[in-house]
Amino acid sequence: MNGVQRDHNEPDTSEPSGPYTEGELQNALASVDDPAEPARAWLRAALADTIVPMHPSYLLALSNLFSVPRAYFDNEIVAEAINQRIDFATYAATRGITFTGPCRAQITDNELYSLQIRAVELLDQHLPPPTDSQK
């Protein structure tokens, strides 16, 4: 869970792309419990890397906040596939390449992703090399 922590000296921009503030995480979890204190205690333990049981309701709330499937938190294959797509989208965006949708073609998500990777590879051949800040 450390990957979602934010340096408290950073301004809270509240952008949905993250990093998420502790308050945003608490609000997502508070929607599960009334009163919200059990959710806050669970989040504090998770952020401190304390071993805590995976509470299915909390993980569902976090998956909704992060826009990832519930399996992201307990299936390494799903998590790795999503992380690769996030890394790809981040790299493409640093190069000024974005994709918008929806895709109206009758292809699977994986086929679309493969086409996007190929498009970035081709466009990258015609762009100046990435700067150190883009790597």
Foldseek 3Di string as FASTA:
>chain_A
DQVLDDDPVDDCPVDLQDSDYLVVLLVLQCVVDVVSVVVNVQSVCVNVVHDDDDDQSSLVSVCVSNVADSCLVPPPVSVVVVVVVVVVQLLCVLQVHHDDDDDPDPDDPVVVVVVVVVVSVVVCVVGPDDDPVSD
